[in-house]
Amino acid sequence: MGKPYSEDLRERVEARIAAGHSRREAARHFGVSPSFAVKLAQRVAATGSVAAPRQGRPPGNGKLAEHLPRLIALVEAQPDISMAELAKKLEAATGLVAHPASLSRALTKAGFSFKKNAAGIRVRAR
């Protein structure tokens, strides 16, 4: 994903537009795309700020968030359960199809780690 233009450049483009120049002329003057100048002017009109909007996916919990307590209970009941087995149990219980890697990421966020004990047996610990 690209980086937003600097705050300084945004302010100068906005100042040129506010001084009465067209958006396209301001873009040409500062060497940016006309679409940037148009969107910047729209953003200033809507929010009053030249700050760049947040980039990327909006923060959220995903589809596994509401099922996390059930996942934790399943893992605590059977610490050496594989992610594929966990996915099957979750699908049977709730009908939710989740990739094993997604389950692993959710459990890692919940504080679980995948460790081997001295006997070489893998267990999930919190």
Protein backbone atom coordinates (compact mmCIF):
# COMPACT_ATOMS: atom_id res chain seq x y z
CA MET A 1 0.00 0.00 0.00
CA GLY A 2 1.29 3.44 -0.87
CA LYS A 3 2.21 6.10 1.64
CA PRO A 4 0.09 9.24 1.96
CA TYR A 5 1.45 12.59 0.84
CA SER A 6 3.08 14.66 3.58
CA GLU A 7 1.03 16.97 5.74
CA ASP A 8 3.06 19.93 4.44
CA LEU A 9 2.25 19.19 0.80
CA ARG A 10 -1.41 18.66 1.65
CA GLU A 11 -1.54 22.05 3.36
CA ARG A 12 0.14 23.81 0.43
CA VAL A 13 -2.21 22.23 -2.13
CA GLU A 14 -5.21 23.18 0.00
CA ALA A 15 -3.92 26.72 0.45
CA ARG A 16 -3.56 27.12 -3.33
CA ILE A 17 -7.09 25.84 -3.88
CA ALA A 18 -8.39 28.16 -1.12
CA ALA A 19 -6.60 31.08 -2.82
CA GLY A 20 -8.90 30.68 -5.80
CA HIS A 21 -6.95 28.42 -8.13
CA SER A 22 -8.65 25.40 -9.65
CA ARG A 23 -7.99 21.96 -8.22
CA ARG A 24 -6.38 20.79 -11.43
CA GLU A 25 -4.13 23.86 -11.57
CA ALA A 26 -3.07 23.32 -7.97
CA ALA A 27 -2.29 19.69 -8.78
CA ARG A 28 -0.25 20.70 -11.82
CA HIS A 29 1.63 23.32 -9.81
CA PHE A 30 2.70 20.84 -7.11
CA GLY A 31 3.21 17.85 -9.40
CA VAL A 32 0.48 15.65 -7.95
CA SER A 33 -2.45 13.98 -9.65
CA PRO A 34 -5.64 15.95 -10.23
CA SER A 35 -7.56 13.22 -8.40
CA PHE A 36 -5.48 13.88 -5.27
CA ALA A 37 -6.33 17.58 -5.34
CA VAL A 38 -10.02 16.89 -5.91
CA LYS A 39 -10.19 14.32 -3.11
CA LEU A 40 -8.21 16.58 -0.79
CA ALA A 41 -10.62 19.46 -1.39
CA GLN A 42 -13.58 17.13 -0.76
CA ARG A 43 -11.98 15.88 2.45
CA VAL A 44 -11.36 19.44 3.69
CA ALA A 45 -14.95 20.39 2.87
CA ALA A 46 -16.29 17.34 4.73
CA THR A 47 -13.97 17.25 7.76
CA GLY A 48 -12.12 20.55 7.82
CA SER A 49 -8.80 18.71 8.01
CA VAL A 50 -6.08 17.99 5.47
CA ALA A 51 -4.87 14.94 7.44
CA ALA A 52 -4.64 11.71 5.48
CA PRO A 53 -7.38 9.17 6.19
CA ARG A 54 -6.52 5.91 7.89
CA GLN A 55 -5.24 3.32 5.42
CA GLY A 56 -5.92 -0.37 5.37
CA ARG A 57 -8.69 -2.57 6.57
CA PRO A 58 -10.84 -1.11 9.32
CA PRO A 59 -10.07 -2.52 12.74
CA GLY A 60 -12.42 -5.27 13.76
CA ASN A 61 -12.60 -8.66 15.31
CA GLY A 62 -13.49 -10.84 12.34
CA LYS A 63 -15.87 -13.74 12.16
CA LEU A 64 -14.13 -15.75 14.87
CA ALA A 65 -14.52 -13.12 17.61
CA GLU A 66 -17.92 -14.26 18.80
CA HIS A 67 -16.76 -17.91 18.80
CA LEU A 68 -13.51 -17.30 20.69
CA PRO A 69 -14.83 -18.48 24.10
CA ARG A 70 -15.91 -21.78 22.49
CA LEU A 71 -12.49 -22.15 20.82
CA ILE A 72 -10.69 -21.50 24.10
CA ALA A 73 -12.88 -24.07 25.86
CA LEU A 74 -12.14 -26.66 23.17
CA VAL A 75 -8.40 -26.05 23.39
CA GLU A 76 -8.37 -26.13 27.19
CA ALA A 77 -10.34 -29.39 27.16
CA GLN A 78 -7.90 -30.96 24.69
CA PRO A 79 -4.60 -29.01 24.67
CA ASP A 80 -2.97 -31.08 21.91
CA ILE A 81 -5.81 -30.65 19.41
CA SER A 82 -4.71 -29.88 15.87
CA MET A 83 -6.02 -26.84 14.04
CA ALA A 84 -7.70 -29.07 11.44
CA GLU A 85 -9.53 -30.98 14.20
CA LEU A 86 -10.47 -27.72 15.87
CA ALA A 87 -11.87 -26.40 12.57
CA LYS A 88 -14.00 -29.53 12.17
CA LYS A 89 -15.32 -29.30 15.74
CA LEU A 90 -16.14 -25.62 15.29
CA GLU A 91 -17.95 -26.29 12.03
CA ALA A 92 -19.94 -29.14 13.61
CA ALA A 93 -20.91 -27.02 16.61
CA THR A 94 -21.68 -23.70 14.90
CA GLY A 95 -21.70 -24.26 11.14
CA LEU A 96 -18.87 -21.74 10.77
CA VAL A 97 -16.18 -22.75 8.28
CA ALA A 98 -12.79 -21.39 9.32
CA HIS A 99 -9.34 -22.09 7.92
CA PRO A 100 -6.92 -23.69 10.40
CA ALA A 101 -4.50 -20.79 9.96
CA SER A 102 -7.25 -18.34 10.98
CA LEU A 103 -7.94 -20.40 14.08
CA SER A 104 -4.24 -20.39 14.92
CA ARG A 105 -4.03 -16.59 14.57
CA ALA A 106 -7.13 -16.14 16.76
CA LEU A 107 -5.71 -18.39 19.48
CA THR A 108 -2.34 -16.64 19.31
CA LYS A 109 -4.13 -13.31 19.82
CA ALA A 110 -5.92 -14.87 22.80
CA GLY A 111 -2.56 -15.65 24.40
CA PHE A 112 -2.01 -19.29 23.46
CA SER A 113 1.34 -20.51 22.24
CA PHE A 114 2.38 -23.81 20.68
CA LYS A 115 5.15 -25.42 22.69
CA LYS A 116 6.77 -28.82 22.97
CA ASN A 117 7.30 -30.23 26.43
CA ALA A 118 10.33 -32.29 27.50
CA ALA A 119 8.75 -35.50 26.19
CA GLY A 120 8.42 -33.96 22.72
CA ILE A 121 4.63 -33.85 22.91
CA ARG A 122 3.12 -30.63 21.63
CA VAL A 123 0.63 -28.83 23.82
CA ARG A 124 -1.04 -25.46 23.75
CA ALA A 125 -0.31 -23.28 26.73
CA ARG A 126 -1.80 -19.95 27.67
